[in-house]
Amino acid sequence: MGRFIKVLLFIIIGVALLVGGLFLYRLISTDAPVLHGEHEHHSFYNELELDLYYPTTQVYEKHPVLMYIHGGAWVVGSKISVNNDRFHESFNALREKGYAIVAPDYTLGKNNASPFPDCIQDAKKALEWVYAHAEEKGLDASNIGLLGESAGAHIAMMVAYDSTFTEKFPVNYLIDVYGPSSLYQLYLDQQPLIDSINARVASLPSCLVGDFDLAGYLFGFNPKQDTSKARSLASLFSPVSILNSSIRIPNLLIHGNEDQVVPVNQSSFLMKTLDQKGISYEYLELDGVDHAFRGITEDQKAKVQDQIVSFVLANKKE
């Protein structure tokens, strides 16, 4: 038995070292932001934390801020996603140009406990933290923008389009990367995918996944059993439902037209609403690209990075 335990420990340590090594290699090979400059961790609300990445070049007396809100279908994900390789080039370029990057965590959905409205409130609290600590941290509270991807883009929209909130805590611009703008339509479009995910999860040992139901995690109840309540909740937390003509910030929308998770029609719905409200936006559609930039070409990826950087710089207030 003693020999077996030693061998098992050796295997566990070996696997841990291998995984750690691969993770470190991934960070280095993709030039992750965490490898550059100064960064700090801070608690900001209800034991949630955010990461503050300072500029790598001192350009301004006070640093303009880009807040990044991670994706993960509102049920998984972390602020460390800022170190994935989808936006490395733009983040690194902006930090070289004097920008700080802020990446907060937020409340995730649990079975029979919807993440809404907590996840949106958390993002607002992160923005309030930036305002409250701007002087202390050398941040420019007059130059703050939001970038979210997928579920994070939805949260960013819900923050930026809440005119009551942004009257007190303004943002200069919004970058929406394949974000859901109409939750009930997304639910209807993706019902087959949700059922497929639940079926796959159900085939796993219950000790690993418990009583998992993706729709239950998002709504906090079974939407098939109460469609009226589901539609009402989805409308309440849909960006297209809260947009009003008082929102004057510019928007950049980025979406792949082969997105199988958040269909490109979600950006179409949003653009139609923006047009109706007279709100300005730019739109970059990526041909043949799936969710999370799967299938993206090097040229397309370079275009994404360049457009994000140029959009942010163009919307800096002097």
Protein backbone atom coordinates (compact mmCIF):
# COMPACT_ATOMS: atom_id res chain seq x y z
CA MET A 1 0.00 0.00 0.00
CA GLY A 2 2.85 2.39 0.88
CA ARG A 3 4.49 1.77 -2.51
CA PHE A 4 1.17 2.33 -4.29
CA ILE A 5 0.69 5.69 -2.54
CA LYS A 6 4.21 6.79 -3.47
CA VAL A 7 3.67 5.87 -7.11
CA LEU A 8 0.31 7.65 -7.11
CA LEU A 9 1.85 10.78 -5.60
CA PHE A 10 4.65 10.65 -8.16
CA ILE A 11 2.09 10.45 -10.97
CA ILE A 12 0.03 13.30 -9.52
CA ILE A 13 3.09 15.52 -9.12
CA GLY A 14 4.24 14.65 -12.63
CA VAL A 15 0.87 15.51 -14.13
CA ALA A 16 0.73 18.77 -12.15
CA LEU A 17 4.19 19.76 -13.38
CA LEU A 18 3.25 18.88 -16.95
CA VAL A 19 0.02 20.88 -16.82
CA GLY A 20 1.82 23.79 -15.16
CA GLY A 21 4.55 23.67 -17.75
CA LEU A 22 2.08 23.62 -20.61
CA PHE A 23 0.18 26.52 -19.06
CA LEU A 24 3.38 28.55 -18.67
CA TYR A 25 4.39 27.72 -22.23
CA ARG A 26 0.98 28.87 -23.42
CA LEU A 27 1.35 32.19 -21.60
CA ILE A 28 4.82 32.77 -22.99
CA SER A 29 4.07 31.65 -26.54
CA THR A 30 1.00 33.88 -26.78
CA ASP A 31 2.65 36.87 -25.08
CA ALA A 32 0.06 37.05 -22.32
CA PRO A 33 -0.50 40.46 -20.64
CA VAL A 34 0.28 38.99 -17.22
CA LEU A 35 3.91 38.60 -18.32
CA HIS A 36 4.32 42.33 -18.85
CA GLY A 37 4.47 45.33 -16.57
CA GLU A 38 2.91 45.80 -13.16
CA HIS A 39 -0.40 44.30 -12.12
CA GLU A 40 -2.38 44.15 -8.89
CA HIS A 41 -5.25 42.14 -7.40
CA HIS A 42 -8.00 43.89 -5.46
CA SER A 43 -11.24 42.92 -3.74
CA PHE A 44 -14.02 45.22 -4.88
CA TYR A 45 -17.42 43.81 -3.85
CA ASN A 46 -18.84 40.79 -1.99
CA GLU A 47 -15.42 39.08 -1.92
CA LEU A 48 -15.12 39.36 -5.70
CA GLU A 49 -11.74 40.41 -7.08
CA LEU A 50 -10.45 42.33 -10.04
CA ASP A 51 -7.04 42.55 -11.67
CA LEU A 52 -5.51 45.90 -12.59
CA TYR A 53 -2.85 45.82 -15.31
CA TYR A 54 -0.92 49.08 -15.42
CA PRO A 55 0.43 50.58 -18.65
CA THR A 56 3.81 49.26 -19.74
CA THR A 57 4.69 52.74 -20.99
CA GLN A 58 3.96 55.94 -19.10
CA VAL A 59 2.25 58.13 -21.69
CA TYR A 60 -0.33 60.11 -19.73
CA GLU A 61 -0.29 61.64 -16.28
CA LYS A 62 -3.45 59.64 -15.60
CA HIS A 63 -4.02 56.28 -17.31
CA PRO A 64 -7.09 55.79 -19.51
CA VAL A 65 -8.86 52.54 -18.64
CA LEU A 66 -10.28 49.67 -20.67
CA MET A 67 -12.37 47.26 -18.60
CA TYR A 68 -12.51 43.71 -19.95
CA ILE A 69 -15.45 41.47 -18.94
CA HIS A 70 -14.90 37.77 -19.59
CA GLY A 71 -17.28 35.31 -21.22
CA GLY A 72 -18.40 31.82 -20.21
CA ALA A 73 -22.18 31.59 -20.73
CA TRP A 74 -22.70 33.31 -17.34
CA VAL A 75 -21.90 30.01 -15.57
CA VAL A 76 -18.12 29.58 -15.98
CA GLY A 77 -15.09 31.75 -16.64
CA SER A 78 -12.74 34.02 -14.75
CA LYS A 79 -10.98 37.38 -14.90
CA ILE A 80 -7.79 35.49 -15.80
CA SER A 81 -9.38 35.07 -19.25
CA VAL A 82 -7.77 38.43 -19.98
CA ASN A 83 -4.72 36.25 -20.59
CA ASN A 84 -6.27 34.15 -23.32
CA ASP A 85 -4.85 34.86 -26.75
CA ARG A 86 -7.92 36.39 -28.41
CA PHE A 87 -7.09 40.00 -27.45
CA HIS A 88 -3.42 39.84 -26.42
CA GLU A 89 -2.15 42.03 -29.20
CA SER A 90 -4.68 44.77 -28.58
CA PHE A 91 -4.25 44.69 -24.79
CA ASN A 92 -0.47 44.77 -25.07
CA ALA A 93 -0.59 47.55 -27.67
CA LEU A 94 -2.94 49.65 -25.55
CA ARG A 95 -0.78 49.22 -22.46
CA GLU A 96 2.22 50.37 -24.50
CA LYS A 97 0.18 53.42 -25.46
CA GLY A 98 -0.50 54.29 -21.82
CA TYR A 99 -3.74 52.44 -21.08
CA ALA A 100 -4.57 50.40 -18.00
CA ILE A 101 -6.64 47.20 -18.28
CA VAL A 102 -9.10 46.20 -15.54
CA ALA A 103 -10.54 42.67 -15.45
CA PRO A 104 -13.18 41.86 -12.80
CA ASP A 105 -14.82 38.61 -11.78
CA TYR A 106 -18.60 38.47 -11.39
CA THR A 107 -21.31 36.20 -9.98
CA LEU A 108 -21.85 33.01 -11.99
CA GLY A 109 -25.06 31.03 -12.30
CA LYS A 110 -25.72 27.98 -10.15
CA ASN A 111 -28.46 25.41 -10.35
CA ASN A 112 -31.76 27.12 -9.54
CA ALA A 113 -29.89 30.36 -8.88
CA SER A 114 -29.76 32.69 -11.88
CA PRO A 115 -26.70 34.95 -12.22
CA PHE A 116 -29.06 37.83 -13.01
CA PRO A 117 -29.09 40.56 -11.89
CA ASP A 118 -26.04 39.94 -9.69
CA CYS A 119 -23.53 39.61 -12.53
CA ILE A 120 -24.61 42.98 -13.94
CA GLN A 121 -24.52 44.59 -10.51
CA ASP A 122 -21.02 43.18 -9.97
CA ALA A 123 -19.74 44.77 -13.19
CA LYS A 124 -21.24 48.09 -12.10
CA LYS A 125 -19.51 47.76 -8.74
CA ALA A 126 -16.20 47.10 -10.52
CA LEU A 127 -16.68 50.30 -12.51
CA GLU A 128 -17.54 52.16 -9.31
CA TRP A 129 -14.30 50.80 -7.81
CA VAL A 130 -12.33 52.29 -10.70
CA TYR A 131 -13.96 55.66 -10.09
CA ALA A 132 -13.42 55.47 -6.32
CA HIS A 133 -9.73 54.54 -6.67
CA ALA A 134 -8.86 56.59 -9.74
CA GLU A 135 -6.87 59.20 -7.84
CA GLU A 136 -5.04 56.61 -5.73
CA LYS A 137 -4.16 54.39 -8.71
CA GLY A 138 -3.44 57.15 -11.21
CA LEU A 139 -6.42 56.26 -13.43
CA ASP A 140 -8.27 58.67 -15.70
CA ALA A 141 -11.92 58.52 -14.69
CA SER A 142 -12.85 60.67 -17.70
CA ASN A 143 -11.55 57.98 -20.07
CA ILE A 144 -13.07 54.58 -19.33
CA GLY A 145 -14.35 52.09 -21.90
CA LEU A 146 -15.82 48.59 -21.77
CA LEU A 147 -14.89 45.49 -23.78
CA GLY A 148 -16.80 42.27 -23.25
CA GLU A 149 -16.89 38.98 -25.09
CA SER A 150 -19.89 36.66 -25.28
CA ALA A 151 -21.67 36.69 -21.87
CA GLY A 152 -19.23 39.41 -20.82
CA ALA A 153 -20.31 41.51 -23.80
CA HIS A 154 -23.93 41.11 -22.70
CA ILE A 155 -22.99 42.31 -19.20
CA ALA A 156 -20.98 45.22 -20.66
CA MET A 157 -24.01 46.26 -22.72
CA MET A 158 -26.31 46.06 -19.70
CA VAL A 159 -23.94 48.39 -17.85
CA ALA A 160 -23.27 50.83 -20.70
CA TYR A 161 -26.94 51.06 -21.76
CA ASP A 162 -28.22 51.74 -18.25
CA SER A 163 -28.53 55.52 -18.58
CA THR A 164 -29.43 55.98 -14.91
CA PHE A 165 -26.19 54.30 -13.87
CA THR A 166 -23.95 55.91 -16.49
CA GLU A 167 -25.17 59.39 -15.57
CA LYS A 168 -23.13 58.87 -12.40
CA PHE A 169 -20.41 56.62 -13.81
CA PRO A 170 -19.99 57.42 -17.52
CA VAL A 171 -18.20 55.21 -20.01
CA ASN A 172 -16.74 56.55 -23.25
CA TYR A 173 -17.40 53.61 -25.54
CA LEU A 174 -18.42 49.97 -25.72
CA ILE A 175 -16.83 47.05 -27.57
CA ASP A 176 -19.22 44.12 -27.98
CA VAL A 177 -17.55 40.92 -29.19
CA TYR A 178 -20.18 38.30 -30.18
CA GLY A 179 -22.45 39.31 -27.32
CA PRO A 180 -26.13 38.30 -26.85
CA SER A 181 -28.45 41.28 -27.24
CA SER A 182 -31.82 39.46 -27.02
CA LEU A 183 -31.78 36.70 -24.41
CA TYR A 184 -35.12 35.08 -25.15
CA GLN A 185 -34.38 34.89 -28.87
CA LEU A 186 -31.00 33.39 -28.01
CA TYR A 187 -32.71 30.81 -25.80
CA LEU A 188 -35.14 29.90 -28.59
CA ASP A 189 -32.39 29.69 -31.21
CA GLN A 190 -30.14 27.63 -28.99
CA GLN A 191 -32.66 25.26 -27.41
CA PRO A 192 -31.28 22.30 -29.42
CA LEU A 193 -27.75 23.17 -28.31
CA ILE A 194 -28.83 23.52 -24.66
CA ASP A 195 -30.58 20.14 -24.81
CA SER A 196 -27.46 18.62 -26.37
CA ILE A 197 -25.20 20.04 -23.64
CA ASN A 198 -27.54 18.80 -20.92
CA ALA A 199 -27.62 15.33 -22.51
CA ARG A 200 -23.83 15.18 -22.65
CA VAL A 201 -23.52 16.33 -19.05
CA ALA A 202 -26.14 13.77 -17.95
CA SER A 203 -23.92 11.00 -19.33
CA LEU A 204 -21.15 11.95 -16.90
CA PRO A 205 -20.94 10.60 -13.32
CA SER A 206 -23.30 12.54 -11.08
CA CYS A 207 -20.54 12.96 -8.50
CA LEU A 208 -18.74 15.18 -11.03
CA VAL A 209 -21.57 17.32 -12.36
CA GLY A 210 -24.41 17.04 -9.85
CA ASP A 211 -27.87 18.12 -10.97
CA PHE A 212 -26.79 20.30 -13.90
CA ASP A 213 -29.22 22.00 -16.26
CA LEU A 214 -27.85 24.89 -18.33
CA ALA A 215 -31.17 26.69 -18.76
CA GLY A 216 -31.86 26.25 -15.05
CA TYR A 217 -28.51 27.86 -14.27
CA LEU A 218 -29.37 30.87 -16.43
CA PHE A 219 -33.02 31.40 -15.51
CA GLY A 220 -33.00 30.01 -11.99
CA PHE A 221 -35.96 27.79 -12.92
CA ASN A 222 -37.05 25.53 -15.78
CA PRO A 223 -38.06 27.96 -18.57
CA LYS A 224 -40.04 25.23 -20.35
CA GLN A 225 -42.37 25.01 -17.36
CA ASP A 226 -43.01 28.76 -17.20
CA THR A 227 -42.45 30.33 -20.61
CA SER A 228 -44.18 33.57 -19.64
CA LYS A 229 -41.85 34.11 -16.69
CA ALA A 230 -38.85 33.15 -18.85
CA ARG A 231 -39.80 35.65 -21.56
CA SER A 232 -40.31 38.39 -18.96
CA LEU A 233 -36.97 37.71 -17.28
CA ALA A 234 -35.14 37.54 -20.61
CA SER A 235 -36.65 40.83 -21.73
CA LEU A 236 -35.70 42.52 -18.47
CA PHE A 237 -32.05 41.55 -18.98
CA SER A 238 -31.77 42.06 -22.74
CA PRO A 239 -29.68 44.99 -23.99
CA VAL A 240 -32.11 45.72 -26.86
CA SER A 241 -34.85 46.17 -24.26
CA ILE A 242 -33.09 48.84 -22.23
CA LEU A 243 -31.50 50.88 -25.03
CA ASN A 244 -32.83 54.40 -25.21
CA SER A 245 -31.96 57.44 -27.27
CA SER A 246 -30.11 59.09 -24.38
CA ILE A 247 -27.24 56.61 -24.86
CA ARG A 248 -24.74 58.49 -26.99
CA ILE A 249 -21.60 56.38 -26.65
CA PRO A 250 -20.05 54.85 -29.79
CA ASN A 251 -20.18 51.07 -30.17
CA LEU A 252 -17.90 48.58 -31.90
CA LEU A 253 -19.52 45.22 -32.69
CA ILE A 254 -17.43 42.20 -33.72
CA HIS A 255 -19.05 38.90 -34.72
CA GLY A 256 -18.26 35.80 -36.75
CA ASN A 257 -20.98 34.86 -39.23
CA GLU A 258 -20.54 31.15 -38.46
CA ASP A 259 -21.05 31.58 -34.70
CA GLN A 260 -22.81 28.45 -33.42
CA VAL A 261 -23.16 29.64 -29.81
CA VAL A 262 -24.31 33.24 -30.16
CA PRO A 263 -25.77 33.48 -33.69
CA VAL A 264 -24.78 36.52 -35.71
CA ASN A 265 -28.43 37.62 -35.73
CA GLN A 266 -27.84 38.81 -32.16
CA SER A 267 -25.63 41.56 -33.58
CA SER A 268 -28.24 42.19 -36.29
CA PHE A 269 -30.92 42.75 -33.61
CA LEU A 270 -28.62 45.16 -31.81
CA MET A 271 -27.69 47.12 -34.93
CA LYS A 272 -31.34 47.50 -35.85
CA THR A 273 -32.07 48.91 -32.39
CA LEU A 274 -29.04 51.21 -32.52
CA ASP A 275 -30.21 52.51 -35.89
CA GLN A 276 -33.70 53.13 -34.51
CA LYS A 277 -32.26 55.08 -31.57
CA GLY A 278 -29.76 57.02 -33.69
CA ILE A 279 -26.77 55.60 -31.81
CA SER A 280 -23.46 55.33 -33.67
CA TYR A 281 -21.64 52.06 -34.17
CA GLU A 282 -19.03 50.26 -36.22
CA TYR A 283 -19.47 46.63 -37.23
CA LEU A 284 -16.82 44.07 -38.12
CA GLU A 285 -18.20 40.77 -39.41
CA LEU A 286 -15.75 37.89 -39.67
CA ASP A 287 -16.50 35.58 -42.55
CA GLY A 288 -16.41 31.87 -41.69
CA VAL A 289 -15.55 32.45 -38.01
CA ASP A 290 -17.25 30.58 -35.15
CA HIS A 291 -17.65 31.53 -31.48
CA ALA A 292 -14.51 32.45 -29.52
CA PHE A 293 -12.83 33.16 -32.87
CA ARG A 294 -12.63 29.51 -33.82
CA GLY A 295 -11.60 29.27 -37.45
CA ILE A 296 -10.22 32.80 -37.56
CA THR A 297 -7.38 33.47 -40.00
CA GLU A 298 -4.23 35.35 -39.07
CA ASP A 299 -5.31 38.25 -41.30
CA GLN A 300 -8.73 38.39 -39.64
CA LYS A 301 -7.21 38.25 -36.17
CA ALA A 302 -4.83 41.09 -37.03
CA LYS A 303 -7.78 43.12 -38.30
CA VAL A 304 -9.66 42.53 -35.04
CA GLN A 305 -6.68 43.68 -32.95
CA ASP A 306 -6.08 46.75 -35.13
CA GLN A 307 -9.74 47.78 -35.10
CA ILE A 308 -10.02 47.44 -31.31
CA VAL A 309 -6.91 49.56 -30.75
CA SER A 310 -7.86 52.24 -33.28
CA PHE A 311 -11.43 52.39 -31.92
CA VAL A 312 -10.23 52.83 -28.34
CA LEU A 313 -7.70 55.49 -29.28
CA ALA A 314 -10.22 57.36 -31.44
CA ASN A 315 -12.64 57.63 -28.54
CA LYS A 316 -10.27 59.05 -25.95
CA LYS A 317 -11.42 62.36 -24.55
CA GLU A 318 -8.78 65.06 -24.42
